[in-house]
Amino acid sequence: ERSPGGCRQVNGPLTNAKNMTLCARAVNTTDSSRLAVAPCLLPNILAGPYWILGIGKAADGSYDWAVVIGGQPDVKWEDGCTTKESGVNNAGLWLFSRKPVASPEAIGKMHALLKAKGIARSRLHKVEQEGCTYHGFNMK
């Protein structure tokens, strides 16, 4: 299945069809890498956990990439643990890049981070990014 931008959808159909604004809230005063994310109108109790496992910085000090996991990795695989692969909360693992197509070097660093933290890499799904368009999106 393809998105309106022409890219393959890996998580199924669009689940935010009304384009609700999502809010990330810091819920741990001693660990700012653990966030709760939900539509802004919902209370924290209904938010899902999104933990920043690591970030990479470019030579100029700006963020180049980030690895985010949907909460505590408690599903065991041969190469480590990860979160469940379906559902809304406590599910998911994402490799983000500031560039639409991450460089092989950035991908290598993200995979090295996952391996060092014992996170299963075997469950990642390759998402084709070449040729995608993002009409109407604010790309930062």
N, C-alpha and C. Protein backbone atom coordinates (compact mmCIF):
# COMPACT_ATOMS: atom_id res chain seq x y z
N GLU A 1 0.85 -1.18 0.00
CA GLU A 1 0.00 0.00 0.00
C GLU A 1 0.89 1.24 0.00
N ARG A 2 0.48 2.25 -0.75
CA ARG A 2 1.26 3.47 -0.89
C ARG A 2 0.56 4.65 -0.20
N SER A 3 1.38 5.56 0.35
CA SER A 3 0.85 6.78 0.96
C SER A 3 0.56 7.79 -0.14
N PRO A 4 -0.11 8.92 0.19
CA PRO A 4 -0.35 9.95 -0.82
C PRO A 4 0.95 10.46 -1.45
N GLY A 5 2.07 10.40 -0.72
CA GLY A 5 3.36 10.84 -1.25
C GLY A 5 4.04 9.81 -2.12
N GLY A 6 3.44 8.63 -2.25
CA GLY A 6 3.99 7.60 -3.11
C GLY A 6 4.91 6.63 -2.41
N CYS A 7 5.09 6.74 -1.10
CA CYS A 7 5.99 5.84 -0.38
C CYS A 7 5.20 4.67 0.20
N ARG A 8 5.91 3.56 0.35
CA ARG A 8 5.29 2.37 0.92
C ARG A 8 4.94 2.62 2.38
N GLN A 9 3.74 2.25 2.78
CA GLN A 9 3.34 2.38 4.18
C GLN A 9 3.72 1.09 4.90
N VAL A 10 4.53 1.21 5.93
CA VAL A 10 4.99 0.01 6.64
C VAL A 10 4.18 -0.27 7.89
N ASN A 11 3.43 0.69 8.37
CA ASN A 11 2.66 0.50 9.59
C ASN A 11 1.17 0.44 9.32
N GLY A 12 0.78 0.19 8.09
CA GLY A 12 -0.64 0.10 7.77
C GLY A 12 -1.21 1.44 7.35
N PRO A 13 -2.51 1.52 7.35
CA PRO A 13 -3.17 2.74 6.89
C PRO A 13 -2.93 3.92 7.83
N LEU A 14 -3.13 5.11 7.32
CA LEU A 14 -2.97 6.33 8.10
C LEU A 14 -3.88 6.29 9.32
N THR A 15 -3.30 6.50 10.51
CA THR A 15 -4.09 6.44 11.73
C THR A 15 -4.33 7.81 12.33
N ASN A 16 -3.81 8.84 11.70
CA ASN A 16 -4.02 10.21 12.18
C ASN A 16 -4.70 11.01 11.07
N ALA A 17 -5.78 10.47 10.54
CA ALA A 17 -6.45 11.04 9.38
C ALA A 17 -6.95 12.47 9.63
N LYS A 18 -7.27 12.80 10.88
CA LYS A 18 -7.75 14.14 11.19
C LYS A 18 -6.60 15.10 11.48
N ASN A 19 -5.36 14.63 11.29
CA ASN A 19 -4.16 15.43 11.47
C ASN A 19 -4.11 16.11 12.85
N MET A 20 -4.41 15.33 13.88
CA MET A 20 -4.36 15.85 15.25
C MET A 20 -2.92 16.19 15.62
N THR A 21 -2.74 17.29 16.29
CA THR A 21 -1.41 17.67 16.74
C THR A 21 -1.01 16.77 17.90
N LEU A 22 0.17 16.20 17.79
CA LEU A 22 0.69 15.35 18.86
C LEU A 22 1.61 16.15 19.74
N CYS A 23 1.59 15.85 21.02
CA CYS A 23 2.47 16.51 21.99
C CYS A 23 3.39 15.47 22.62
N ALA A 24 4.65 15.82 22.72
CA ALA A 24 5.63 15.00 23.45
C ALA A 24 5.85 15.68 24.79
N ARG A 25 5.68 14.92 25.84
CA ARG A 25 5.80 15.47 27.19
C ARG A 25 6.91 14.75 27.93
N ALA A 26 7.77 15.51 28.59
CA ALA A 26 8.80 14.92 29.45
C ALA A 26 8.11 14.47 30.73
N VAL A 27 8.17 13.18 31.02
CA VAL A 27 7.46 12.64 32.17
C VAL A 27 8.41 12.20 33.30
N ASN A 28 9.70 12.29 33.04
CA ASN A 28 10.69 11.88 34.03
C ASN A 28 11.64 13.05 34.24
N THR A 29 11.63 13.64 35.43
CA THR A 29 12.44 14.83 35.68
C THR A 29 13.94 14.55 35.68
N THR A 30 14.34 13.30 35.80
CA THR A 30 15.77 12.97 35.81
C THR A 30 16.25 12.37 34.50
N ASP A 31 15.34 12.08 33.56
CA ASP A 31 15.73 11.47 32.29
C ASP A 31 14.90 12.07 31.16
N SER A 32 15.44 13.09 30.51
CA SER A 32 14.69 13.80 29.46
C SER A 32 14.59 13.00 28.16
N SER A 33 15.21 11.83 28.08
CA SER A 33 15.12 11.02 26.87
C SER A 33 13.84 10.18 26.83
N ARG A 34 13.10 10.16 27.92
CA ARG A 34 11.86 9.37 27.96
C ARG A 34 10.67 10.32 27.87
N LEU A 35 9.92 10.16 26.79
CA LEU A 35 8.79 11.04 26.51
C LEU A 35 7.48 10.26 26.49
N ALA A 36 6.39 10.96 26.74
CA ALA A 36 5.04 10.43 26.56
C ALA A 36 4.44 11.22 25.40
N VAL A 37 3.89 10.51 24.40
CA VAL A 37 3.38 11.17 23.19
C VAL A 37 1.92 10.77 22.97
N ALA A 38 1.10 11.78 22.73
CA ALA A 38 -0.33 11.56 22.47
C ALA A 38 -0.89 12.83 21.84
N PRO A 39 -2.11 12.75 21.28
CA PRO A 39 -2.76 13.99 20.88
C PRO A 39 -2.79 14.94 22.08
N CYS A 40 -2.55 16.20 21.82
CA CYS A 40 -2.37 17.18 22.89
C CYS A 40 -3.54 17.25 23.86
N LEU A 41 -4.74 16.93 23.41
CA LEU A 41 -5.90 17.04 24.28
C LEU A 41 -6.02 15.88 25.28
N LEU A 42 -5.22 14.82 25.10
CA LEU A 42 -5.30 13.66 26.00
C LEU A 42 -4.35 13.80 27.19
N PRO A 43 -4.72 13.22 28.33
CA PRO A 43 -3.84 13.26 29.50
C PRO A 43 -2.67 12.28 29.34
N ASN A 44 -1.63 12.47 30.14
CA ASN A 44 -0.43 11.63 30.07
C ASN A 44 -0.74 10.15 30.22
N ILE A 45 -1.73 9.80 31.00
CA ILE A 45 -2.05 8.39 31.26
C ILE A 45 -2.40 7.65 29.97
N LEU A 46 -2.86 8.37 28.96
CA LEU A 46 -3.23 7.77 27.68
C LEU A 46 -2.12 7.89 26.63
N ALA A 47 -1.02 8.50 27.00
CA ALA A 47 0.08 8.71 26.05
C ALA A 47 0.95 7.44 25.96
N GLY A 48 1.63 7.31 24.84
CA GLY A 48 2.52 6.19 24.64
C GLY A 48 3.96 6.58 24.92
N PRO A 49 4.76 5.63 25.39
CA PRO A 49 6.16 5.93 25.67
C PRO A 49 7.00 5.96 24.39
N TYR A 50 7.82 6.97 24.28
CA TYR A 50 8.79 7.10 23.19
C TYR A 50 10.11 7.47 23.83
N TRP A 51 11.07 6.57 23.75
CA TRP A 51 12.36 6.77 24.39
C TRP A 51 13.43 7.03 23.34
N ILE A 52 14.17 8.08 23.52
CA ILE A 52 15.28 8.40 22.61
C ILE A 52 16.48 7.58 23.05
N LEU A 53 16.86 6.61 22.22
CA LEU A 53 17.99 5.74 22.56
C LEU A 53 19.33 6.40 22.29
N GLY A 54 19.37 7.27 21.30
CA GLY A 54 20.62 7.94 20.98
C GLY A 54 20.43 8.93 19.85
N ILE A 55 21.39 9.84 19.76
CA ILE A 55 21.38 10.85 18.69
C ILE A 55 22.78 10.95 18.10
N GLY A 56 22.84 11.37 16.87
CA GLY A 56 24.11 11.64 16.21
C GLY A 56 24.18 13.10 15.84
N LYS A 57 25.35 13.65 15.97
CA LYS A 57 25.53 15.07 15.64
C LYS A 57 26.42 15.22 14.42
N ALA A 58 26.06 16.20 13.60
CA ALA A 58 26.86 16.55 12.43
C ALA A 58 28.06 17.39 12.89
N ALA A 59 28.97 17.65 11.98
CA ALA A 59 30.18 18.42 12.30
C ALA A 59 29.86 19.80 12.86
N ASP A 60 28.74 20.39 12.42
CA ASP A 60 28.38 21.74 12.90
C ASP A 60 27.63 21.71 14.24
N GLY A 61 27.44 20.53 14.81
CA GLY A 61 26.78 20.40 16.11
C GLY A 61 25.28 20.18 16.03
N SER A 62 24.70 20.26 14.83
CA SER A 62 23.26 20.01 14.69
C SER A 62 23.00 18.51 14.75
N TYR A 63 21.76 18.15 15.07
CA TYR A 63 21.39 16.74 15.11
C TYR A 63 21.33 16.19 13.69
N ASP A 64 21.92 15.03 13.49
CA ASP A 64 21.97 14.39 12.18
C ASP A 64 21.02 13.20 12.11
N TRP A 65 20.92 12.46 13.21
CA TRP A 65 20.05 11.29 13.26
C TRP A 65 19.63 11.01 14.70
N ALA A 66 18.59 10.19 14.85
CA ALA A 66 18.12 9.77 16.16
C ALA A 66 17.51 8.38 16.07
N VAL A 67 17.61 7.63 17.16
CA VAL A 67 16.97 6.33 17.26
C VAL A 67 15.96 6.42 18.40
N VAL A 68 14.70 6.05 18.10
CA VAL A 68 13.62 6.14 19.08
C VAL A 68 12.91 4.79 19.16
N ILE A 69 12.62 4.36 20.39
CA ILE A 69 11.90 3.10 20.60
C ILE A 69 10.62 3.39 21.37
N GLY A 70 9.59 2.62 21.07
CA GLY A 70 8.28 2.82 21.70
C GLY A 70 8.16 2.16 23.06
N GLY A 71 9.04 2.54 23.98
CA GLY A 71 8.95 2.02 25.35
C GLY A 71 9.94 0.91 25.64
N GLN A 72 9.67 0.20 26.74
CA GLN A 72 10.57 -0.84 27.23
C GLN A 72 10.66 -2.01 26.23
N PRO A 73 11.86 -2.33 25.75
CA PRO A 73 12.00 -3.48 24.86
C PRO A 73 11.93 -4.78 25.65
N ASP A 74 10.82 -5.51 25.50
CA ASP A 74 10.65 -6.73 26.29
C ASP A 74 10.27 -7.96 25.46
N VAL A 75 10.36 -7.84 24.13
CA VAL A 75 10.12 -8.98 23.25
C VAL A 75 11.49 -9.50 22.81
N LYS A 76 11.79 -10.75 23.15
CA LYS A 76 13.11 -11.33 22.91
C LYS A 76 13.22 -11.94 21.52
N TRP A 77 14.34 -11.64 20.86
CA TRP A 77 14.71 -12.23 19.58
C TRP A 77 16.15 -12.72 19.70
N GLU A 78 16.60 -13.45 18.73
CA GLU A 78 17.95 -14.02 18.79
C GLU A 78 19.03 -12.96 18.94
N ASP A 79 18.84 -11.79 18.33
CA ASP A 79 19.86 -10.74 18.36
C ASP A 79 19.57 -9.64 19.38
N GLY A 80 18.62 -9.85 20.27
CA GLY A 80 18.33 -8.85 21.30
C GLY A 80 16.84 -8.73 21.55
N CYS A 81 16.47 -7.67 22.20
CA CYS A 81 15.06 -7.43 22.53
C CYS A 81 14.56 -6.21 21.77
N THR A 82 13.25 -6.12 21.63
CA THR A 82 12.61 -4.95 21.05
C THR A 82 11.20 -4.84 21.62
N THR A 83 10.45 -3.88 21.15
CA THR A 83 9.07 -3.74 21.59
C THR A 83 8.19 -4.61 20.69
N LYS A 84 6.91 -4.71 21.04
CA LYS A 84 5.99 -5.46 20.19
C LYS A 84 5.89 -4.78 18.82
N GLU A 85 5.43 -5.53 17.85
CA GLU A 85 5.42 -5.03 16.47
C GLU A 85 4.07 -4.53 16.00
N SER A 86 3.09 -4.52 16.85
CA SER A 86 1.78 -4.00 16.46
C SER A 86 1.16 -3.28 17.65
N GLY A 87 0.13 -2.52 17.36
CA GLY A 87 -0.53 -1.77 18.40
C GLY A 87 -0.10 -0.31 18.39
N VAL A 88 -0.67 0.45 19.29
CA VAL A 88 -0.42 1.88 19.33
C VAL A 88 0.67 2.23 20.34
N ASN A 89 0.55 1.76 21.56
CA ASN A 89 1.53 2.09 22.60
C ASN A 89 2.44 0.90 22.89
N ASN A 90 3.64 1.20 23.36
CA ASN A 90 4.64 0.18 23.67
C ASN A 90 5.00 -0.66 22.45
N ALA A 91 5.07 -0.02 21.30
CA ALA A 91 5.39 -0.70 20.06
C ALA A 91 6.19 0.23 19.16
N GLY A 92 7.15 -0.33 18.45
CA GLY A 92 7.85 0.42 17.42
C GLY A 92 9.30 0.74 17.73
N LEU A 93 10.07 0.84 16.67
CA LEU A 93 11.48 1.23 16.71
C LEU A 93 11.75 2.00 15.42
N TRP A 94 12.30 3.21 15.56
CA TRP A 94 12.50 4.07 14.40
C TRP A 94 13.93 4.59 14.33
N LEU A 95 14.45 4.61 13.12
CA LEU A 95 15.75 5.23 12.82
C LEU A 95 15.44 6.48 12.01
N PHE A 96 15.66 7.63 12.62
CA PHE A 96 15.35 8.91 11.97
C PHE A 96 16.61 9.56 11.45
N SER A 97 16.50 10.23 10.32
CA SER A 97 17.61 10.98 9.73
C SER A 97 17.09 12.35 9.32
N ARG A 98 17.92 13.35 9.48
CA ARG A 98 17.52 14.68 9.04
C ARG A 98 17.40 14.71 7.52
N LYS A 99 18.20 13.92 6.83
CA LYS A 99 18.13 13.84 5.37
C LYS A 99 17.07 12.82 4.98
N PRO A 100 16.35 13.05 3.88
CA PRO A 100 15.34 12.08 3.46
C PRO A 100 15.89 10.67 3.28
N VAL A 101 17.14 10.54 2.87
CA VAL A 101 17.78 9.24 2.74
C VAL A 101 19.05 9.29 3.59
N ALA A 102 19.07 8.49 4.64
CA ALA A 102 20.23 8.48 5.54
C ALA A 102 21.46 7.92 4.83
N SER A 103 22.61 8.46 5.16
CA SER A 103 23.86 7.99 4.58
C SER A 103 24.19 6.61 5.14
N PRO A 104 24.97 5.82 4.40
CA PRO A 104 25.41 4.53 4.94
C PRO A 104 26.16 4.68 6.27
N GLU A 105 26.90 5.77 6.43
CA GLU A 105 27.62 6.02 7.68
C GLU A 105 26.65 6.22 8.84
N ALA A 106 25.60 7.01 8.62
CA ALA A 106 24.59 7.25 9.67
C ALA A 106 23.87 5.96 10.01
N ILE A 107 23.48 5.19 8.99
CA ILE A 107 22.81 3.90 9.24
C ILE A 107 23.73 2.99 10.05
N GLY A 108 25.00 2.96 9.71
CA GLY A 108 25.96 2.14 10.44
C GLY A 108 26.06 2.55 11.90
N LYS A 109 26.08 3.84 12.16
CA LYS A 109 26.16 4.33 13.54
C LYS A 109 24.89 3.98 14.32
N MET A 110 23.74 4.09 13.66
CA MET A 110 22.49 3.75 14.33
C MET A 110 22.43 2.26 14.66
N HIS A 111 22.86 1.43 13.72
CA HIS A 111 22.89 -0.01 13.97
C HIS A 111 23.89 -0.36 15.08
N ALA A 112 25.02 0.32 15.11
CA ALA A 112 26.00 0.07 16.18
C ALA A 112 25.41 0.44 17.54
N LEU A 113 24.67 1.53 17.61
CA LEU A 113 24.00 1.93 18.85
C LEU A 113 23.02 0.85 19.30
N LEU A 114 22.20 0.35 18.37
CA LEU A 114 21.23 -0.68 18.71
C LEU A 114 21.93 -1.94 19.22
N LYS A 115 22.99 -2.34 18.55
CA LYS A 115 23.72 -3.53 18.98
C LYS A 115 24.30 -3.33 20.37
N ALA A 116 24.89 -2.17 20.64
CA ALA A 116 25.49 -1.89 21.95
C ALA A 116 24.45 -1.90 23.06
N LYS A 117 23.21 -1.53 22.74
CA LYS A 117 22.15 -1.48 23.74
C LYS A 117 21.34 -2.79 23.81
N GLY A 118 21.72 -3.78 23.00
CA GLY A 118 21.02 -5.06 23.03
C GLY A 118 19.65 -5.04 22.38
N ILE A 119 19.44 -4.11 21.45
CA ILE A 119 18.15 -4.00 20.75
C ILE A 119 18.20 -4.81 19.46
N ALA A 120 17.19 -5.63 19.23
CA ALA A 120 17.13 -6.48 18.05
C ALA A 120 17.07 -5.64 16.78
N ARG A 121 18.03 -5.88 15.89
CA ARG A 121 18.04 -5.20 14.60
C ARG A 121 17.37 -6.04 13.52
N SER A 122 17.21 -7.32 13.80
CA SER A 122 16.63 -8.24 12.81
C SER A 122 15.17 -7.93 12.51
N ARG A 123 14.50 -7.19 13.37
CA ARG A 123 13.08 -6.90 13.19
C ARG A 123 12.83 -5.58 12.47
N LEU A 124 13.88 -4.84 12.13
CA LEU A 124 13.71 -3.59 11.40
C LEU A 124 13.20 -3.86 9.99
N HIS A 125 12.35 -2.99 9.49
CA HIS A 125 11.83 -3.08 8.13
C HIS A 125 12.45 -1.96 7.31
N LYS A 126 13.06 -2.31 6.18
CA LYS A 126 13.62 -1.30 5.30
C LYS A 126 12.47 -0.54 4.64
N VAL A 127 12.56 0.77 4.70
CA VAL A 127 11.54 1.63 4.09
C VAL A 127 12.19 2.40 2.96
N GLU A 128 11.70 2.21 1.77
CA GLU A 128 12.24 2.91 0.61
C GLU A 128 11.93 4.39 0.72
N GLN A 129 12.95 5.22 0.63
CA GLN A 129 12.79 6.67 0.75
C GLN A 129 13.03 7.41 -0.55
N GLU A 130 13.72 6.79 -1.48
CA GLU A 130 14.03 7.44 -2.76
C GLU A 130 12.75 7.79 -3.50
N GLY A 131 12.66 9.02 -3.99
CA GLY A 131 11.55 9.43 -4.83
C GLY A 131 10.28 9.79 -4.10
N CYS A 132 10.29 9.79 -2.77
CA CYS A 132 9.08 10.17 -2.02
C CYS A 132 8.88 11.68 -2.09
N THR A 133 7.64 12.09 -2.12
CA THR A 133 7.33 13.51 -2.08
C THR A 133 6.54 13.79 -0.81
N TYR A 134 6.64 14.99 -0.31
CA TYR A 134 6.01 15.35 0.96
C TYR A 134 5.21 16.64 0.78
N HIS A 135 4.19 16.59 -0.05
CA HIS A 135 3.37 17.76 -0.33
C HIS A 135 2.60 18.18 0.92
N GLY A 136 2.70 19.46 1.27
CA GLY A 136 1.96 20.00 2.38
C GLY A 136 2.59 19.76 3.75
N PHE A 137 3.77 19.15 3.79
CA PHE A 137 4.44 18.89 5.06
C PHE A 137 5.52 19.92 5.29
N ASN A 138 5.70 20.30 6.54
CA ASN A 138 6.76 21.23 6.92
C ASN A 138 8.02 20.42 7.22
N MET A 139 8.94 20.38 6.30
CA MET A 139 10.19 19.63 6.48
C MET A 139 11.22 20.53 7.14
N LYS A 140 11.72 20.10 8.29
CA LYS A 140 12.73 20.89 9.01
C LYS A 140 14.10 20.38 8.73
